[in-house]
Amino acid sequence: MDGITIGLVSVACMLVLIYAGMHVGVALTLLSFIGVWIIRGDAGIASNLLALAANDVIADYVFGVVPLFVLMGLLVSVADIGKDTFEVANQIFRRLRGGLGIATVAANAVFAAITGISIASAAVFTKVAVPEMLRHGYSQRFSVGVVAGSSVLGMLIPPSLLLILYGILTERSVGDLFIAGIIPGIVLSLAYVAGILLMGKYWPEFVGGSARTAEDSAQLGWGEMAGKLLPVVLLVALVLGGIYGGLFTPTEAGAVGAAGALALALAKGRLPLKSLWTVLVETGHITAAICFLIISAALYSRMLAISGVTEFLRHLIVDSGLGFWGMLAIFVFVVMLLGTILDSSSIMLITIPLVLPALQAFGTDLIWFGIVNLLAVEIGLLTPPFGIAVFVIKATLGNDSPITLNDIFAGALPFAVIMFLVLLLVIAFPGLATALI
């Protein structure tokens, strides 16, 4: 077999192995080794090449941003920042029909600016917002659906681990990608709010609840609201302001943010020694998993390059007559389809190396494409049968909850549709992603 055939067979084998249940990182590493072995005809050469590639990939300074932002996000979760933010948003929007849903979106948007992890948002607001909405008569499906839908803001509004991963894969500035996510993140948040208001008016049986009077809930004074929100605002300004103002690199901003989150958690007295140890261990687990996926994706990319598949696909796509927009439509469809069975990171690690040469041949703005790709990938968090945000919500609710997985998927569907409309908007108006750069 020639190299191109070997590469294409490896792609087919990868899909089979993943469908069979093999971990994505293990499948990519195994196929990379076997592919290089067959192409070069020497297992020793394959081992040495892959070892050098793994070292080159993970030794980059930019990888320090991964554990630092993960640590910051987990510290913020432990410090109950999400709860404080939700209480303030609840106070502001409580008199609107669907106000608790709007408060959840608003609080998630703020929380996203200091976490960057969708699953953290899903877990926090399942505990904080869902019981409150159910207590005020909101439907079960809406209560969990709005949490699932707004949790994806954690991967769009910077800092975002998926944008960091995309920046590493495409060798683009993480800082520029963070800036590109601001306007689409705000647009998606506003679209969710508009969707909730429209559902409250035209589909009230789905939303449930009602607009509440001032007596329906405890009042927060302006001073108390400021006290709950000020630490969040300061942390966001410190991290993102430092990046956008040119004071920090993203990696340095991650370190500053982690230190700020630690100081905030200690100042609030919400970080006992046991919780700190749990946060550190969880940071290590998440970082190791992400780095393993990055290494495996880099190995697979090099194997594909050696086989000639990437160049073959570039010519095939460019010369197919589909043009850029045809390729983009197929790419978005494939990514959303993969979202039904894979997590976001795995989808990105599999697809980007395959289409990157064609994107470069078309002269695509890879910063804009990163936002398009992220929106398409994140829709998969809400779609059955494998929507990781949905499973996180179900796990957080517990087995004794009457709310089923089907209820969560059904509740999240309107928000997935809204997200798809925002995706089309960003595709139609690239300036939404590039205007601030």
Protein backbone atom coordinates (compact mmCIF):
# COMPACT_ATOMS: atom_id res chain seq x y z
CA MET A 1 0.00 0.00 0.00
CA ASP A 2 1.14 3.54 -0.66
CA GLY A 3 1.23 6.19 2.06
CA ILE A 4 -2.06 7.84 1.08
CA THR A 5 -3.93 4.53 1.24
CA ILE A 6 -2.43 3.80 4.64
CA GLY A 7 -3.48 7.24 5.90
CA LEU A 8 -7.04 6.89 4.62
CA VAL A 9 -7.34 3.39 6.10
CA SER A 10 -6.15 4.81 9.42
CA VAL A 11 -8.96 7.39 9.35
CA ALA A 12 -11.53 4.63 8.79
CA CYS A 13 -9.95 2.50 11.53
CA MET A 14 -10.00 5.46 13.90
CA LEU A 15 -13.76 5.89 13.49
CA VAL A 16 -14.33 2.15 13.99
CA LEU A 17 -12.18 2.07 17.15
CA ILE A 18 -13.88 5.13 18.62
CA TYR A 19 -17.36 3.73 17.88
CA ALA A 20 -16.22 0.50 19.54
CA GLY A 21 -15.47 2.46 22.71
CA MET A 22 -11.69 2.96 22.60
CA HIS A 23 -10.44 6.21 24.14
CA VAL A 24 -9.75 8.79 21.43
CA GLY A 25 -6.19 9.46 22.61
CA VAL A 26 -5.33 5.76 22.70
CA ALA A 27 -6.80 5.21 19.21
CA LEU A 28 -4.89 8.15 17.71
CA THR A 29 -1.58 7.12 19.31
CA LEU A 30 -1.93 3.47 18.31
CA LEU A 31 -2.82 4.29 14.70
CA SER A 32 -0.01 6.85 14.49
CA PHE A 33 2.56 4.27 15.58
CA ILE A 34 1.24 1.54 13.27
CA GLY A 35 0.91 3.96 10.35
CA VAL A 36 4.49 5.26 10.60
CA TRP A 37 5.75 1.69 11.13
CA ILE A 38 4.11 0.50 7.91
CA ILE A 39 5.13 3.57 5.91
CA ARG A 40 8.78 3.52 7.06
CA GLY A 41 9.00 -0.24 7.44
CA ASP A 42 10.77 -0.02 10.79
CA ALA A 43 9.19 -0.08 14.27
CA GLY A 44 12.30 1.56 15.77
CA ILE A 45 12.00 4.56 13.47
CA ALA A 46 8.29 4.83 14.32
CA SER A 47 9.01 4.76 18.06
CA ASN A 48 11.76 7.38 17.85
CA LEU A 49 9.76 9.67 15.58
CA LEU A 50 6.70 9.56 17.81
CA ALA A 51 8.77 10.06 20.98
CA LEU A 52 10.43 13.15 19.52
CA ALA A 53 7.09 14.48 18.28
CA ALA A 54 5.50 14.04 21.72
CA ASN A 55 8.37 15.88 23.41
CA ASP A 56 8.31 18.73 20.90
CA VAL A 57 4.55 19.21 21.27
CA ILE A 58 4.22 19.27 25.04
CA ALA A 59 7.42 21.20 25.82
CA ASP A 60 6.01 24.47 24.46
CA TYR A 61 5.62 27.32 26.96
CA VAL A 62 2.04 27.94 25.86
CA PHE A 63 0.93 24.64 27.42
CA GLY A 64 1.31 26.20 30.84
CA VAL A 65 -1.97 27.98 30.17
CA VAL A 66 -3.94 24.71 30.42
CA PRO A 67 -3.39 23.78 34.10
CA LEU A 68 -3.47 27.43 35.18
CA PHE A 69 -6.90 28.20 33.72
CA VAL A 70 -8.22 24.83 34.88
CA LEU A 71 -7.00 25.62 38.41
CA MET A 72 -8.57 29.07 38.29
CA GLY A 73 -11.92 27.67 37.13
CA LEU A 74 -12.03 25.01 39.83
CA LEU A 75 -11.07 27.47 42.57
CA VAL A 76 -13.83 29.81 41.44
CA SER A 77 -16.31 26.91 41.55
CA VAL A 78 -15.27 25.97 45.10
CA ALA A 79 -15.57 29.60 46.21
CA ASP A 80 -19.30 29.60 45.25
CA ILE A 81 -18.79 32.50 42.84
CA GLY A 82 -21.49 31.00 40.62
CA LYS A 83 -23.98 31.10 43.47
CA ASP A 84 -23.16 34.72 44.30
CA THR A 85 -23.49 35.76 40.65
CA PHE A 86 -26.81 33.95 40.28
CA GLU A 87 -28.25 35.66 43.37
CA VAL A 88 -27.39 39.08 41.93
CA ALA A 89 -28.81 38.22 38.50
CA ASN A 90 -31.92 36.79 40.14
CA GLN A 91 -32.44 40.06 41.98
CA ILE A 92 -32.19 42.04 38.72
CA PHE A 93 -34.42 39.88 36.51
CA ARG A 94 -36.88 38.41 39.03
CA ARG A 95 -39.91 40.44 37.85
CA LEU A 96 -39.72 39.21 34.23
CA ARG A 97 -41.58 36.13 33.03
CA GLY A 98 -38.82 33.57 32.66
CA GLY A 99 -36.69 35.83 34.84
CA LEU A 100 -34.94 32.98 36.62
CA GLY A 101 -33.97 31.53 33.24
CA ILE A 102 -32.59 34.91 32.17
CA ALA A 103 -30.77 35.17 35.50
CA THR A 104 -29.20 31.76 34.84
CA VAL A 105 -27.98 32.87 31.40
CA ALA A 106 -26.60 36.15 32.79
CA ALA A 107 -24.86 34.43 35.70
CA ASN A 108 -23.44 31.76 33.39
CA ALA A 109 -22.07 34.45 31.06
CA VAL A 110 -20.25 36.13 33.94
CA PHE A 111 -19.14 32.79 35.38
CA ALA A 112 -17.82 31.76 31.94
CA ALA A 113 -15.48 34.75 31.94
CA ILE A 114 -13.55 33.26 34.86
CA THR A 115 -13.80 29.50 34.28
CA GLY A 116 -13.52 28.47 30.63
CA ILE A 117 -15.00 25.03 31.35
CA SER A 118 -18.55 24.18 30.25
CA ILE A 119 -18.88 21.17 32.54
CA ALA A 120 -18.01 23.33 35.55
CA SER A 121 -20.81 25.74 34.64
CA ALA A 122 -23.25 22.87 34.11
CA ALA A 123 -22.46 21.34 37.50
CA VAL A 124 -22.52 24.62 39.44
CA PHE A 125 -25.80 25.94 38.05
CA THR A 126 -27.54 22.58 38.29
CA LYS A 127 -27.00 22.86 42.03
CA VAL A 128 -27.76 26.58 42.26
CA ALA A 129 -30.39 27.44 39.64
CA VAL A 130 -32.44 24.29 39.02
CA PRO A 131 -33.84 23.92 42.58
CA GLU A 132 -34.71 27.63 42.64
CA MET A 133 -36.55 27.44 39.31
CA LEU A 134 -38.45 24.30 40.29
CA ARG A 135 -39.43 25.94 43.58
CA HIS A 136 -41.00 28.84 41.67
CA GLY A 137 -43.04 26.64 39.34
CA TYR A 138 -40.83 26.51 36.27
CA SER A 139 -41.16 23.31 34.24
CA GLN A 140 -38.59 20.59 34.75
CA ARG A 141 -37.53 20.61 31.12
CA PHE A 142 -37.05 24.36 30.96
CA SER A 143 -35.17 24.42 34.27
CA VAL A 144 -32.55 21.93 33.17
CA GLY A 145 -32.60 23.04 29.53
CA VAL A 146 -31.61 26.62 30.28
CA VAL A 147 -28.73 25.38 32.45
CA ALA A 148 -27.55 23.03 29.69
CA GLY A 149 -27.86 25.70 27.00
CA SER A 150 -26.15 28.49 28.91
CA SER A 151 -23.34 26.21 30.15
CA VAL A 152 -21.82 26.20 26.66
CA LEU A 153 -20.99 29.88 27.16
CA GLY A 154 -18.08 28.62 29.26
CA MET A 155 -16.32 27.46 26.10
CA LEU A 156 -17.08 30.53 23.98
CA ILE A 157 -16.60 33.49 26.28
CA PRO A 158 -12.88 33.79 27.08
CA PRO A 159 -10.90 32.33 28.71
CA SER A 160 -11.86 29.08 26.98
CA LEU A 161 -10.01 25.77 27.08
CA LEU A 162 -11.33 24.86 23.62
CA LEU A 163 -9.99 28.11 22.16
CA ILE A 164 -6.63 27.35 23.78
CA LEU A 165 -6.70 23.88 22.24
CA TYR A 166 -7.65 25.27 18.83
CA GLY A 167 -4.86 27.85 19.05
CA ILE A 168 -2.33 25.09 19.76
CA LEU A 169 -3.57 22.93 16.88
CA THR A 170 -3.53 25.76 14.34
CA GLU A 171 -0.58 27.72 15.78
CA ARG A 172 -2.69 30.85 16.13
CA SER A 173 -2.55 33.44 18.92
CA VAL A 174 -4.58 32.35 21.93
CA GLY A 175 -4.97 36.02 22.88
CA ASP A 176 -6.50 36.83 19.48
CA LEU A 177 -8.85 33.86 19.78
CA PHE A 178 -9.95 35.06 23.21
CA ILE A 179 -10.73 38.49 21.78
CA ALA A 180 -12.60 36.90 18.86
CA GLY A 181 -14.88 35.05 21.28
CA ILE A 182 -16.14 38.18 23.06
CA ILE A 183 -18.77 39.47 20.60
CA PRO A 184 -20.12 36.01 19.60
CA GLY A 185 -20.34 35.16 23.32
CA ILE A 186 -22.35 38.31 24.01
CA VAL A 187 -24.54 37.70 20.94
CA LEU A 188 -25.27 34.13 22.03
CA SER A 189 -26.12 35.30 25.56
CA LEU A 190 -28.52 37.94 24.21
CA ALA A 191 -30.02 35.40 21.80
CA TYR A 192 -30.73 33.08 24.73
CA VAL A 193 -32.37 35.93 26.64
CA ALA A 194 -34.51 36.85 23.62
CA GLY A 195 -35.41 33.18 23.16
CA ILE A 196 -36.50 32.86 26.80
CA LEU A 197 -38.67 35.99 26.54
CA LEU A 198 -40.30 34.68 23.34
CA MET A 199 -40.85 31.24 24.84
CA GLY A 200 -42.37 32.84 27.94
CA LYS A 201 -44.82 34.73 25.73
CA TYR A 202 -45.66 32.17 23.04
CA TRP A 203 -44.82 28.86 24.74
CA PRO A 204 -45.66 29.46 28.42
CA GLU A 205 -46.44 25.81 29.15
CA PHE A 206 -42.81 24.90 28.33
CA VAL A 207 -41.34 27.64 30.52
CA GLY A 208 -43.76 27.56 33.46
CA GLY A 209 -43.26 29.92 36.39
CA SER A 210 -44.38 33.52 36.37
CA ALA A 211 -43.06 37.00 36.88
CA ARG A 212 -42.49 37.47 40.61
CA THR A 213 -43.14 40.45 42.80
CA ALA A 214 -40.58 41.91 45.15
CA GLU A 215 -42.09 39.98 48.04
CA ASP A 216 -41.56 36.59 46.39
CA SER A 217 -37.87 36.42 47.24
CA ALA A 218 -35.37 37.86 49.64
CA GLN A 219 -34.23 41.34 48.77
CA LEU A 220 -30.59 42.19 48.20
CA GLY A 221 -29.51 45.75 48.84
CA TRP A 222 -27.23 47.55 46.40
CA GLY A 223 -24.34 47.22 48.81
CA GLU A 224 -24.84 43.46 49.17
CA MET A 225 -25.16 43.04 45.40
CA ALA A 226 -21.97 45.00 44.86
CA GLY A 227 -20.21 42.92 47.49
CA LYS A 228 -21.16 39.69 45.73
CA LEU A 229 -20.36 40.91 42.23
CA LEU A 230 -17.27 43.06 42.79
CA PRO A 231 -14.80 40.16 43.32
CA VAL A 232 -16.00 38.57 40.08
CA VAL A 233 -15.63 41.81 38.13
CA LEU A 234 -12.16 42.41 39.56
CA LEU A 235 -11.01 38.90 38.65
CA VAL A 236 -12.36 39.20 35.11
CA ALA A 237 -10.75 42.63 34.71
CA LEU A 238 -7.45 41.32 36.05
CA VAL A 239 -7.26 38.32 33.73
CA LEU A 240 -8.88 39.50 30.51
CA GLY A 241 -7.87 43.14 30.93
CA GLY A 242 -4.27 42.03 31.36
CA ILE A 243 -4.39 40.00 28.14
CA TYR A 244 -6.16 42.62 26.04
CA GLY A 245 -4.07 45.43 27.48
CA GLY A 246 -0.85 43.65 26.57
CA LEU A 247 0.28 43.32 30.21
CA PHE A 248 0.25 39.50 30.23
CA THR A 249 0.56 36.66 27.81
CA PRO A 250 -2.33 34.17 28.12
CA THR A 251 -0.07 31.86 30.14
CA GLU A 252 0.89 34.66 32.54
CA ALA A 253 -2.75 35.70 32.77
CA GLY A 254 -3.62 32.14 33.75
CA ALA A 255 -1.10 32.31 36.59
CA VAL A 256 -2.39 35.69 37.74
CA GLY A 257 -5.99 34.46 37.53
CA ALA A 258 -5.24 31.30 39.50
CA ALA A 259 -3.51 33.35 42.20
CA GLY A 260 -6.45 35.78 42.26
CA ALA A 261 -8.99 32.95 42.49
CA LEU A 262 -7.00 31.37 45.33
CA ALA A 263 -6.88 34.67 47.22
CA LEU A 264 -10.62 35.17 46.63
CA ALA A 265 -11.51 31.69 47.87
CA LEU A 266 -9.34 32.12 50.98
CA ALA A 267 -10.76 35.59 51.68
CA LYS A 268 -14.30 34.20 51.54
CA GLY A 269 -13.34 31.37 53.87
CA ARG A 270 -14.61 28.79 51.38
CA LEU A 271 -11.44 26.78 50.81
CA PRO A 272 -10.80 24.24 53.56
CA LEU A 273 -7.68 22.11 53.22
CA LYS A 274 -9.66 19.10 51.96
CA SER A 275 -11.27 21.17 49.20
CA LEU A 276 -7.90 22.63 48.18
CA TRP A 277 -6.45 19.13 47.86
CA THR A 278 -9.47 18.03 45.80
CA VAL A 279 -9.04 21.03 43.49
CA LEU A 280 -5.34 20.34 42.98
CA VAL A 281 -5.92 16.65 42.23
CA GLU A 282 -8.78 17.45 39.83
CA THR A 283 -6.58 20.04 38.10
CA GLY A 284 -3.94 17.36 37.60
CA HIS A 285 -6.48 14.89 36.21
CA ILE A 286 -7.98 17.37 33.74
CA THR A 287 -4.58 18.69 32.65
CA ALA A 288 -3.18 15.20 32.11
CA ALA A 289 -6.22 14.21 30.05
CA ILE A 290 -6.01 17.34 27.89
CA CYS A 291 -2.26 17.04 27.35
CA PHE A 292 -2.57 13.37 26.42
CA LEU A 293 -5.20 14.28 23.82
CA ILE A 294 -3.02 17.07 22.44
CA ILE A 295 0.00 14.76 22.16
CA SER A 296 -2.03 12.03 20.47
CA ALA A 297 -3.53 14.53 18.01
CA ALA A 298 -0.07 15.91 17.19
CA LEU A 299 1.24 12.39 16.60
CA TYR A 300 -1.65 11.59 14.32
CA SER A 301 -1.18 14.86 12.41
CA ARG A 302 2.46 13.99 11.76
CA MET A 303 1.56 10.50 10.62
CA LEU A 304 -1.00 11.93 8.19
CA ALA A 305 1.58 14.42 6.90
CA ILE A 306 4.13 11.62 6.36
CA SER A 307 1.52 9.51 4.56
CA GLY A 308 0.59 12.39 2.25
CA VAL A 309 -3.10 12.31 3.22
CA THR A 310 -3.28 15.96 4.28
CA GLU A 311 -1.88 17.11 0.92
CA PHE A 312 -4.18 14.67 -0.88
CA LEU A 313 -7.22 16.02 0.97
CA ARG A 314 -6.14 19.60 0.30
CA HIS A 315 -6.05 18.97 -3.46
CA LEU A 316 -9.25 16.93 -3.32
CA ILE A 317 -11.21 19.66 -1.53
CA VAL A 318 -9.75 22.59 -3.50
CA ASP A 319 -10.18 20.87 -6.87
CA SER A 320 -13.59 19.34 -6.12
CA GLY A 321 -15.51 22.38 -7.31
CA LEU A 322 -17.33 22.70 -3.99
CA GLY A 323 -15.49 25.89 -3.14
CA PHE A 324 -14.90 27.18 0.36
CA TRP A 325 -18.58 27.51 1.30
CA GLY A 326 -19.38 23.99 0.19
CA MET A 327 -16.47 22.66 2.22
CA LEU A 328 -17.59 24.72 5.23
CA ALA A 329 -21.15 23.38 5.02
CA ILE A 330 -19.89 19.78 4.92
CA PHE A 331 -17.45 20.47 7.76
CA VAL A 332 -20.14 21.96 10.02
CA PHE A 333 -22.47 19.03 9.28
CA VAL A 334 -19.75 16.45 10.05
CA VAL A 335 -18.73 18.21 13.26
CA MET A 336 -22.32 18.40 14.49
CA LEU A 337 -22.80 14.72 13.58
CA LEU A 338 -19.66 13.76 15.52
CA GLY A 339 -21.07 15.75 18.43
CA THR A 340 -23.67 13.03 18.89
CA ILE A 341 -20.98 10.51 19.90
CA LEU A 342 -17.82 12.40 20.94
CA ASP A 343 -16.81 15.16 23.34
CA SER A 344 -15.79 18.59 22.06
CA SER A 345 -12.02 18.23 22.48
CA SER A 346 -11.95 14.90 20.65
CA ILE A 347 -13.95 16.29 17.72
CA MET A 348 -11.56 19.21 17.36
CA LEU A 349 -8.47 17.01 17.65
CA ILE A 350 -9.74 14.67 14.92
CA THR A 351 -11.10 17.18 12.39
CA ILE A 352 -8.75 20.16 12.49
CA PRO A 353 -5.59 18.33 11.31
CA LEU A 354 -7.56 16.93 8.37
CA VAL A 355 -9.02 20.22 7.09
CA LEU A 356 -6.26 22.67 8.08
CA PRO A 357 -4.27 22.36 4.80
CA ALA A 358 -7.43 23.00 2.75
CA LEU A 359 -8.36 25.98 4.93
CA GLN A 360 -4.90 27.45 4.37
CA ALA A 361 -5.21 26.84 0.62
CA PHE A 362 -8.48 28.80 0.58
CA GLY A 363 -6.83 31.63 2.54
CA THR A 364 -9.31 31.22 5.39
CA ASP A 365 -9.10 33.51 8.41
CA LEU A 366 -8.33 30.84 11.00
CA ILE A 367 -9.31 33.09 13.91
CA TRP A 368 -12.85 33.46 12.52
CA PHE A 369 -12.96 29.79 11.60
CA GLY A 370 -12.01 28.93 15.18
CA ILE A 371 -15.17 30.58 16.48
CA VAL A 372 -17.29 28.90 13.79
CA ASN A 373 -15.73 25.56 14.63
CA LEU A 374 -16.25 26.05 18.36
CA LEU A 375 -19.94 26.93 17.94
CA ALA A 376 -20.50 23.86 15.76
CA VAL A 377 -18.62 21.64 18.20
CA GLU A 378 -20.45 23.01 21.24
CA ILE A 379 -23.87 22.25 19.74
CA GLY A 380 -22.81 18.63 20.20
CA LEU A 381 -22.78 19.17 23.97
CA LEU A 382 -26.57 19.42 23.82
CA THR A 383 -27.47 16.71 21.32
CA PRO A 384 -28.26 13.03 21.95
CA PRO A 385 -27.13 10.37 22.43
CA PHE A 386 -23.85 11.77 23.81
CA GLY A 387 -24.20 15.31 25.09
CA ILE A 388 -21.63 15.70 27.82
CA ALA A 389 -23.29 18.77 29.38
CA VAL A 390 -26.53 16.81 29.64
CA PHE A 391 -24.83 13.88 31.37
CA VAL A 392 -23.07 16.24 33.79
CA ILE A 393 -26.43 17.79 34.72
CA LYS A 394 -28.01 14.37 35.22
CA ALA A 395 -25.09 13.21 37.37
CA THR A 396 -25.31 16.38 39.46
CA LEU A 397 -29.06 15.95 39.96
CA GLY A 398 -28.51 12.41 41.24
CA ASN A 399 -30.19 9.11 40.46
CA ASP A 400 -33.14 9.85 42.73
CA SER A 401 -34.21 12.90 40.68
CA PRO A 402 -37.44 12.50 38.68
CA ILE A 403 -35.83 14.46 35.82
CA THR A 404 -34.65 12.02 33.13
CA LEU A 405 -31.99 12.31 30.44
CA ASN A 406 -34.78 12.65 27.87
CA ASP A 407 -36.16 15.61 29.81
CA ILE A 408 -32.77 17.33 29.77
CA PHE A 409 -32.22 16.70 26.05
CA ALA A 410 -35.76 17.96 25.28
CA GLY A 411 -35.24 21.04 27.45
CA ALA A 412 -31.91 21.80 25.79
CA LEU A 413 -33.26 21.46 22.23
CA PRO A 414 -34.58 25.06 21.88
CA PHE A 415 -31.21 26.37 23.07
CA ALA A 416 -29.36 24.15 20.60
CA VAL A 417 -31.53 25.65 17.84
CA ILE A 418 -30.72 29.18 19.04
CA MET A 419 -27.02 28.30 19.08
CA PHE A 420 -27.26 27.02 15.49
CA LEU A 421 -28.86 30.31 14.42
CA VAL A 422 -26.01 32.23 16.05
CA LEU A 423 -23.56 29.95 14.22
CA LEU A 424 -25.19 30.92 10.92
CA LEU A 425 -25.00 34.58 11.96
CA VAL A 426 -21.25 34.36 12.64
CA ILE A 427 -20.74 32.59 9.30
CA ALA A 428 -22.71 35.28 7.48
CA PHE A 429 -21.01 38.16 9.31
CA PRO A 430 -17.37 37.25 10.02
CA GLY A 431 -16.85 40.69 11.57
CA LEU A 432 -18.64 39.47 14.69
CA ALA A 433 -15.53 37.42 15.43
CA THR A 434 -12.83 39.67 13.97
CA ALA A 435 -14.02 43.21 14.69
CA LEU A 436 -12.06 43.60 17.93
CA ILE A 437 -8.79 42.12 16.71
